[in-house]
């Protein structure tokens, strides 16, 4: 993945300190390699029942169920 704005583009809203120069986008080569992997989905190994992958899946299902129940209460 590469950045969505060309080099030397002014990044509005990034500089919040008064009296500082504007923040400019850098060329893609000047950013660290790990930056381009931050949005990749993390693959959890299937480590059987009671493992981390199952806990993450159950937590996600539980949150969704709670959201649906809360939504139905408002109807």
PDB file of N, CA and C in Angstrom:
ATOM      1  N   UNK A   1       0.846  -1.183   0.000  1.00  0.00           N
ATOM      2  CA  UNK A   1       0.000   0.000   0.000  1.00  0.00           C
ATOM      3  C   UNK A   1       0.883   1.234   0.000  1.00  0.00           C
ATOM      4  N   UNK A   2       0.399   2.230  -0.652  1.00  0.00           N
ATOM      5  CA  UNK A   2       1.132   3.493  -0.703  1.00  0.00           C
ATOM      6  C   UNK A   2       0.240   4.606  -0.180  1.00  0.00           C
ATOM      7  N   UNK A   3       0.852   5.756   0.098  1.00  0.00           N
ATOM      8  CA  UNK A   3       0.097   6.859   0.682  1.00  0.00           C
ATOM      9  C   UNK A   3      -0.922   7.406  -0.310  1.00  0.00           C
ATOM     10  N   UNK A   4      -1.937   8.048   0.232  1.00  0.00           N
ATOM     11  CA  UNK A   4      -3.019   8.557  -0.605  1.00  0.00           C
ATOM     12  C   UNK A   4      -2.774   9.982  -1.075  1.00  0.00           C
ATOM     13  N   UNK A   5      -1.699  10.611  -0.613  1.00  0.00           N
ATOM     14  CA  UNK A   5      -1.410  11.967  -1.073  1.00  0.00           C
ATOM     15  C   UNK A   5       0.039  12.041  -1.555  1.00  0.00           C
ATOM     16  N   UNK A   6       0.289  12.857  -2.566  1.00  0.00           N
ATOM     17  CA  UNK A   6       1.651  12.972  -3.092  1.00  0.00           C
ATOM     18  C   UNK A   6       2.581  13.684  -2.105  1.00  0.00           C
ATOM     19  N   UNK A   7       3.869  13.530  -2.332  1.00  0.00           N
ATOM     20  CA  UNK A   7       4.870  14.166  -1.469  1.00  0.00           C
ATOM     21  C   UNK A   7       4.704  15.681  -1.501  1.00  0.00           C
ATOM     22  N   UNK A   8       5.050  16.325  -0.396  1.00  0.00           N
ATOM     23  CA  UNK A   8       4.996  17.777  -0.209  1.00  0.00           C
ATOM     24  C   UNK A   8       3.581  18.340  -0.190  1.00  0.00           C
ATOM     25  N   UNK A   9       2.588  17.509   0.048  1.00  0.00           N
ATOM     26  CA  UNK A   9       1.219  17.983   0.219  1.00  0.00           C
ATOM     27  C   UNK A   9       1.071  18.470   1.657  1.00  0.00           C
ATOM     28  N   UNK A  10       0.432  19.621   1.838  1.00  0.00           N
ATOM     29  CA  UNK A  10       0.202  20.144   3.183  1.00  0.00           C
ATOM     30  C   UNK A  10      -0.857  19.280   3.857  1.00  0.00           C
ATOM     31  N   UNK A  11      -0.535  18.773   5.050  1.00  0.00           N
ATOM     32  CA  UNK A  11      -1.461  17.925   5.801  1.00  0.00           C
ATOM     33  C   UNK A  11      -2.210  18.798   6.804  1.00  0.00           C
ATOM     34  N   UNK A  12      -3.414  19.204   6.433  1.00  0.00           N
ATOM     35  CA  UNK A  12      -4.226  20.081   7.287  1.00  0.00           C
ATOM     36  C   UNK A  12      -4.690  19.338   8.525  1.00  0.00           C
ATOM     37  N   UNK A  13      -4.657  20.016   9.664  1.00  0.00           N
ATOM     38  CA  UNK A  13      -5.143  19.439  10.903  1.00  0.00           C
ATOM     39  C   UNK A  13      -4.102  18.653  11.676  1.00  0.00           C
ATOM     40  N   UNK A  14      -2.930  18.415  11.093  1.00  0.00           N
ATOM     41  CA  UNK A  14      -1.895  17.655  11.790  1.00  0.00           C
ATOM     42  C   UNK A  14      -1.090  18.575  12.700  1.00  0.00           C
ATOM     43  N   UNK A  15      -0.831  19.787  12.244  1.00  0.00           N
ATOM     44  CA  UNK A  15      -0.060  20.744  13.030  1.00  0.00           C
ATOM     45  C   UNK A  15      -1.019  21.523  13.920  1.00  0.00           C
ATOM     46  N   UNK A  16      -0.979  21.261  15.219  1.00  0.00           N
ATOM     47  CA  UNK A  16      -1.898  21.927  16.136  1.00  0.00           C
ATOM     48  C   UNK A  16      -1.181  22.921  17.040  1.00  0.00           C
ATOM     49  N   UNK A  17       0.121  23.135  16.860  1.00  0.00           N
ATOM     50  CA  UNK A  17       0.869  24.088  17.670  1.00  0.00           C
ATOM     51  C   UNK A  17       1.015  25.404  16.911  1.00  0.00           C
ATOM     52  N   UNK A  18       0.795  26.517  17.595  1.00  0.00           N
ATOM     53  CA  UNK A  18       0.918  27.825  16.964  1.00  0.00           C
ATOM     54  C   UNK A  18       2.377  28.118  16.654  1.00  0.00           C
ATOM     55  N   UNK A  19       2.604  28.823  15.562  1.00  0.00           N
ATOM     56  CA  UNK A  19       3.942  29.274  15.215  1.00  0.00           C
ATOM     57  C   UNK A  19       4.856  28.196  14.665  1.00  0.00           C
ATOM     58  N   UNK A  20       4.337  27.034  14.362  1.00  0.00           N
ATOM     59  CA  UNK A  20       5.147  25.943  13.811  1.00  0.00           C
ATOM     60  C   UNK A  20       4.947  25.882  12.301  1.00  0.00           C
ATOM     61  N   UNK A  21       5.953  25.419  11.566  1.00  0.00           N
ATOM     62  CA  UNK A  21       5.774  25.302  10.110  1.00  0.00           C
ATOM     63  C   UNK A  21       4.733  24.229   9.782  1.00  0.00           C
ATOM     64  N   UNK A  22       4.149  24.364   8.593  1.00  0.00           N
ATOM     65  CA  UNK A  22       3.138  23.398   8.160  1.00  0.00           C
ATOM     66  C   UNK A  22       3.764  22.019   8.008  1.00  0.00           C
ATOM     67  N   UNK A  23       2.974  20.993   8.279  1.00  0.00           N
ATOM     68  CA  UNK A  23       3.442  19.615   8.148  1.00  0.00           C
ATOM     69  C   UNK A  23       3.203  19.177   6.708  1.00  0.00           C
ATOM     70  N   UNK A  24       4.259  18.686   6.071  1.00  0.00           N
ATOM     71  CA  UNK A  24       4.172  18.242   4.681  1.00  0.00           C
ATOM     72  C   UNK A  24       4.298  16.731   4.614  1.00  0.00           C
ATOM     73  N   UNK A  25       3.595  16.140   3.665  1.00  0.00           N
ATOM     74  CA  UNK A  25       3.707  14.696   3.442  1.00  0.00           C
ATOM     75  C   UNK A  25       5.081  14.394   2.864  1.00  0.00           C
ATOM     76  N   UNK A  26       5.640  13.277   3.278  1.00  0.00           N
ATOM     77  CA  UNK A  26       6.942  12.841   2.781  1.00  0.00           C
ATOM     78  C   UNK A  26       6.752  11.879   1.621  1.00  0.00           C
ATOM     79  N   UNK A  27       7.805  11.659   0.838  1.00  0.00           N
ATOM     80  CA  UNK A  27       7.726  10.596  -0.175  1.00  0.00           C
ATOM     81  C   UNK A  27       7.564   9.246   0.516  1.00  0.00           C
ATOM     82  N   UNK A  28       6.927   8.304  -0.145  1.00  0.00           N
ATOM     83  CA  UNK A  28       6.642   6.994   0.452  1.00  0.00           C
ATOM     84  C   UNK A  28       7.898   6.296   0.951  1.00  0.00           C
ATOM     85  N   UNK A  29       9.024   6.494   0.301  1.00  0.00           N
ATOM     86  CA  UNK A  29      10.263   5.813   0.679  1.00  0.00           C
ATOM     87  C   UNK A  29      10.791   6.276   2.034  1.00  0.00           C
ATOM     88  N   UNK A  30      10.396   7.472   2.487  1.00  0.00           N
ATOM     89  CA  UNK A  30      10.918   8.007   3.743  1.00  0.00           C
ATOM     90  C   UNK A  30      10.125   7.552   4.971  1.00  0.00           C
ATOM     91  N   UNK A  31       8.991   6.902   4.766  1.00  0.00           N
ATOM     92  CA  UNK A  31       8.223   6.369   5.881  1.00  0.00           C
ATOM     93  C   UNK A  31       8.738   4.974   6.211  1.00  0.00           C
ATOM     94  N   UNK A  32       8.661   4.548   7.485  1.00  0.00           N
ATOM     95  CA  UNK A  32       9.125   3.195   7.839  1.00  0.00           C
ATOM     96  C   UNK A  32       8.222   2.125   7.215  1.00  0.00           C
ATOM     97  N   UNK A  33       8.804   0.956   6.947  1.00  0.00           N
ATOM     98  CA  UNK A  33       8.063  -0.124   6.285  1.00  0.00           C
ATOM     99  C   UNK A  33       6.882  -0.614   7.109  1.00  0.00           C
ATOM    100  N   UNK A  34       6.996  -0.636   8.436  1.00  0.00           N
ATOM    101  CA  UNK A  34       5.914  -1.150   9.273  1.00  0.00           C
ATOM    102  C   UNK A  34       4.657  -0.303   9.154  1.00  0.00           C
ATOM    103  N   UNK A  35       4.789   0.959   8.743  1.00  0.00           N
ATOM    104  CA  UNK A  35       3.633   1.839   8.626  1.00  0.00           C
ATOM    105  C   UNK A  35       2.615   1.301   7.627  1.00  0.00           C
ATOM    106  N   UNK A  36       3.099   0.662   6.562  1.00  0.00           N
ATOM    107  CA  UNK A  36       2.204   0.183   5.501  1.00  0.00           C
ATOM    108  C   UNK A  36       1.497  -1.109   5.893  1.00  0.00           C
ATOM    109  N   UNK A  37       1.850  -1.701   7.030  1.00  0.00           N
ATOM    110  CA  UNK A  37       1.202  -2.947   7.444  1.00  0.00           C
ATOM    111  C   UNK A  37       0.215  -2.741   8.596  1.00  0.00           C
ATOM    112  N   UNK A  38       0.027  -1.510   9.057  1.00  0.00           N
ATOM    113  CA  UNK A  38      -0.838  -1.263  10.213  1.00  0.00           C
ATOM    114  C   UNK A  38      -2.298  -1.619   9.958  1.00  0.00           C
ATOM    115  N   UNK A  39      -2.764  -1.450   8.731  1.00  0.00           N
ATOM    116  CA  UNK A  39      -4.176  -1.715   8.444  1.00  0.00           C
ATOM    117  C   UNK A  39      -4.446  -3.141   8.001  1.00  0.00           C
ATOM    118  N   UNK A  40      -3.405  -3.970   7.894  1.00  0.00           N
ATOM    119  CA  UNK A  40      -3.606  -5.370   7.514  1.00  0.00           C
ATOM    120  C   UNK A  40      -4.292  -6.109   8.654  1.00  0.00           C
ATOM    121  N   UNK A  41      -5.198  -7.008   8.302  1.00  0.00           N
ATOM    122  CA  UNK A  41      -5.874  -7.813   9.327  1.00  0.00           C
ATOM    123  C   UNK A  41      -4.887  -8.805   9.916  1.00  0.00           C
ATOM    124  N   UNK A  42      -4.953  -8.963  11.230  1.00  0.00           N
ATOM    125  CA  UNK A  42      -4.065  -9.902  11.909  1.00  0.00           C
ATOM    126  C   UNK A  42      -4.679 -11.291  11.839  1.00  0.00           C
ATOM    127  N   UNK A  43      -3.903 -12.245  11.412  1.00  0.00           N
ATOM    128  CA  UNK A  43      -4.359 -13.628  11.337  1.00  0.00           C
ATOM    129  C   UNK A  43      -4.022 -14.328  12.650  1.00  0.00           C
ATOM    130  N   UNK A  44      -5.040 -14.824  13.338  1.00  0.00           N
ATOM    131  CA  UNK A  44      -4.814 -15.553  14.581  1.00  0.00           C
ATOM    132  C   UNK A  44      -4.734 -17.040  14.274  1.00  0.00           C
ATOM    133  N   UNK A  45      -3.747 -17.721  14.819  1.00  0.00           N
ATOM    134  CA  UNK A  45      -3.654 -19.163  14.569  1.00  0.00           C
ATOM    135  C   UNK A  45      -4.802 -19.894  15.260  1.00  0.00           C
ATOM    136  N   UNK A  46      -5.311 -20.917  14.599  1.00  0.00           N
ATOM    137  CA  UNK A  46      -6.385 -21.715  15.189  1.00  0.00           C
ATOM    138  C   UNK A  46      -5.749 -22.673  16.189  1.00  0.00           C
ATOM    139  N   UNK A  47      -5.788 -22.290  17.456  1.00  0.00           N
ATOM    140  CA  UNK A  47      -5.125 -23.081  18.491  1.00  0.00           C
ATOM    141  C   UNK A  47      -6.112 -23.898  19.315  1.00  0.00           C
ATOM    142  N   UNK A  48      -7.222 -24.271  18.699  1.00  0.00           N
ATOM    143  CA  UNK A  48      -8.155 -25.186  19.349  1.00  0.00           C
ATOM    144  C   UNK A  48      -9.117 -24.501  20.295  1.00  0.00           C
ATOM    145  N   UNK A  49      -9.954 -25.306  20.959  1.00  0.00           N
ATOM    146  CA  UNK A  49     -10.934 -24.743  21.889  1.00  0.00           C
ATOM    147  C   UNK A  49     -10.247 -24.074  23.073  1.00  0.00           C
ATOM    148  N   UNK A  50     -10.771 -22.921  23.450  1.00  0.00           N
ATOM    149  CA  UNK A  50     -10.201 -22.186  24.574  1.00  0.00           C
ATOM    150  C   UNK A  50      -8.991 -21.358  24.196  1.00  0.00           C
ATOM    151  N   UNK A  51      -8.631 -21.372  22.921  1.00  0.00           N
ATOM    152  CA  UNK A  51      -7.467 -20.618  22.470  1.00  0.00           C
ATOM    153  C   UNK A  51      -7.805 -19.162  22.205  1.00  0.00           C
ATOM    154  N   UNK A  52      -6.792 -18.402  21.861  1.00  0.00           N
ATOM    155  CA  UNK A  52      -6.961 -16.971  21.635  1.00  0.00           C
ATOM    156  C   UNK A  52      -7.916 -16.681  20.488  1.00  0.00           C
ATOM    157  N   UNK A  53      -7.813 -17.445  19.401  1.00  0.00           N
ATOM    158  CA  UNK A  53      -8.682 -17.212  18.244  1.00  0.00           C
ATOM    159  C   UNK A  53     -10.146 -17.410  18.624  1.00  0.00           C
ATOM    160  N   UNK A  54     -10.431 -18.435  19.400  1.00  0.00           N
ATOM    161  CA  UNK A  54     -11.817 -18.682  19.810  1.00  0.00           C
ATOM    162  C   UNK A  54     -12.311 -17.580  20.744  1.00  0.00           C
ATOM    163  N   UNK A  55     -11.459 -17.116  21.647  1.00  0.00           N
ATOM    164  CA  UNK A  55     -11.856 -16.051  22.560  1.00  0.00           C
ATOM    165  C   UNK A  55     -12.174 -14.767  21.799  1.00  0.00           C
ATOM    166  N   UNK A  56     -11.351 -14.451  20.803  1.00  0.00           N
ATOM    167  CA  UNK A  56     -11.595 -13.254  19.993  1.00  0.00           C
ATOM    168  C   UNK A  56     -12.912 -13.393  19.239  1.00  0.00           C
ATOM    169  N   UNK A  57     -13.162 -14.570  18.668  1.00  0.00           N
ATOM    170  CA  UNK A  57     -14.400 -14.803  17.915  1.00  0.00           C
ATOM    171  C   UNK A  57     -15.619 -14.702  18.831  1.00  0.00           C
ATOM    172  N   UNK A  58     -15.545 -15.312  20.016  1.00  0.00           N
ATOM    173  CA  UNK A  58     -16.664 -15.260  20.956  1.00  0.00           C
ATOM    174  C   UNK A  58     -16.925 -13.836  21.443  1.00  0.00           C
ATOM    175  N   UNK A  59     -15.863 -13.089  21.690  1.00  0.00           N
ATOM    176  CA  UNK A  59     -16.016 -11.705  22.132  1.00  0.00           C
ATOM    177  C   UNK A  59     -16.709 -10.878  21.050  1.00  0.00           C
ATOM    178  N   UNK A  60     -16.301 -11.095  19.803  1.00  0.00           N
ATOM    179  CA  UNK A  60     -16.901 -10.366  18.687  1.00  0.00           C
ATOM    180  C   UNK A  60     -18.378 -10.715  18.536  1.00  0.00           C
ATOM    181  N   UNK A  61     -18.707 -11.999  18.630  1.00  0.00           N
ATOM    182  CA  UNK A  61     -20.106 -12.429  18.535  1.00  0.00           C
ATOM    183  C   UNK A  61     -20.929 -11.870  19.689  1.00  0.00           C
ATOM    184  N   UNK A  62     -20.369 -11.855  20.888  1.00  0.00           N
ATOM    185  CA  UNK A  62     -21.078 -11.341  22.056  1.00  0.00           C
ATOM    186  C   UNK A  62     -21.359  -9.851  21.908  1.00  0.00           C
ATOM    187  N   UNK A  63     -20.380  -9.098  21.446  1.00  0.00           N
ATOM    188  CA  UNK A  63     -20.584  -7.660  21.251  1.00  0.00           C
ATOM    189  C   UNK A  63     -21.680  -7.402  20.226  1.00  0.00           C
ATOM    190  N   UNK A  64     -21.676  -8.176  19.140  1.00  0.00           N
ATOM    191  CA  UNK A  64     -22.695  -8.008  18.111  1.00  0.00           C
ATOM    192  C   UNK A  64     -24.081  -8.343  18.665  1.00  0.00           C
ATOM    193  N   UNK A  65     -24.173  -9.400  19.450  1.00  0.00           N
ATOM    194  CA  UNK A  65     -25.451  -9.789  20.059  1.00  0.00           C
ATOM    195  C   UNK A  65     -25.958  -8.692  20.990  1.00  0.00           C
ATOM    196  N   UNK A  66     -25.060  -8.099  21.772  1.00  0.00           N
ATOM    197  CA  UNK A  66     -25.438  -7.009  22.677  1.00  0.00           C
ATOM    198  C   UNK A  66     -25.924  -5.809  21.876  1.00  0.00           C
ATOM    199  N   UNK A  67     -25.234  -5.476  20.782  1.00  0.00           N
ATOM    200  CA  UNK A  67     -25.662  -4.357  19.939  1.00  0.00           C
ATOM    201  C   UNK A  67     -27.064  -4.593  19.388  1.00  0.00           C
ATOM    202  N   UNK A  68     -27.312  -5.815  18.918  1.00  0.00           N
ATOM    203  CA  UNK A  68     -28.628  -6.135  18.366  1.00  0.00           C
ATOM    204  C   UNK A  68     -29.707  -6.050  19.438  1.00  0.00           C
ATOM    205  N   UNK A  69     -29.426  -6.544  20.639  1.00  0.00           N
ATOM    206  CA  UNK A  69     -30.401  -6.477  21.730  1.00  0.00           C
ATOM    207  C   UNK A  69     -30.681  -5.027  22.121  1.00  0.00           C
ATOM    208  N   UNK A  70     -29.632  -4.212  22.185  1.00  0.00           N
ATOM    209  CA  UNK A  70     -29.815  -2.803  22.524  1.00  0.00           C
ATOM    210  C   UNK A  70     -30.625  -2.086  21.454  1.00  0.00           C
ATOM    211  N   UNK A  71     -30.389  -2.435  20.198  1.00  0.00           N
ATOM    212  CA  UNK A  71     -31.139  -1.821  19.110  1.00  0.00           C
ATOM    213  C   UNK A  71     -32.615  -2.190  19.208  1.00  0.00           C
ATOM    214  N   UNK A  72     -32.888  -3.461  19.491  1.00  0.00           N
ATOM    215  CA  UNK A  72     -34.279  -3.902  19.590  1.00  0.00           C
ATOM    216  C   UNK A  72     -35.000  -3.243  20.762  1.00  0.00           C
ATOM    217  N   UNK A  73     -34.277  -2.903  21.826  1.00  0.00           N
ATOM    218  CA  UNK A  73     -34.885  -2.227  22.972  1.00  0.00           C
ATOM    219  C   UNK A  73     -35.344  -0.819  22.608  1.00  0.00           C
ATOM    220  N   UNK A  74     -34.703  -0.201  21.626  1.00  0.00           N
ATOM    221  CA  UNK A  74     -35.052   1.171  21.243  1.00  0.00           C
ATOM    222  C   UNK A  74     -36.225   1.214  20.280  1.00  0.00           C
ATOM    223  N   UNK A  75     -36.647   0.086  19.757  1.00  0.00           N
ATOM    224  CA  UNK A  75     -37.733   0.052  18.759  1.00  0.00           C
ATOM    225  C   UNK A  75     -39.084   0.013  19.409  1.00  0.00           C
TER     226      UNK A  75
END
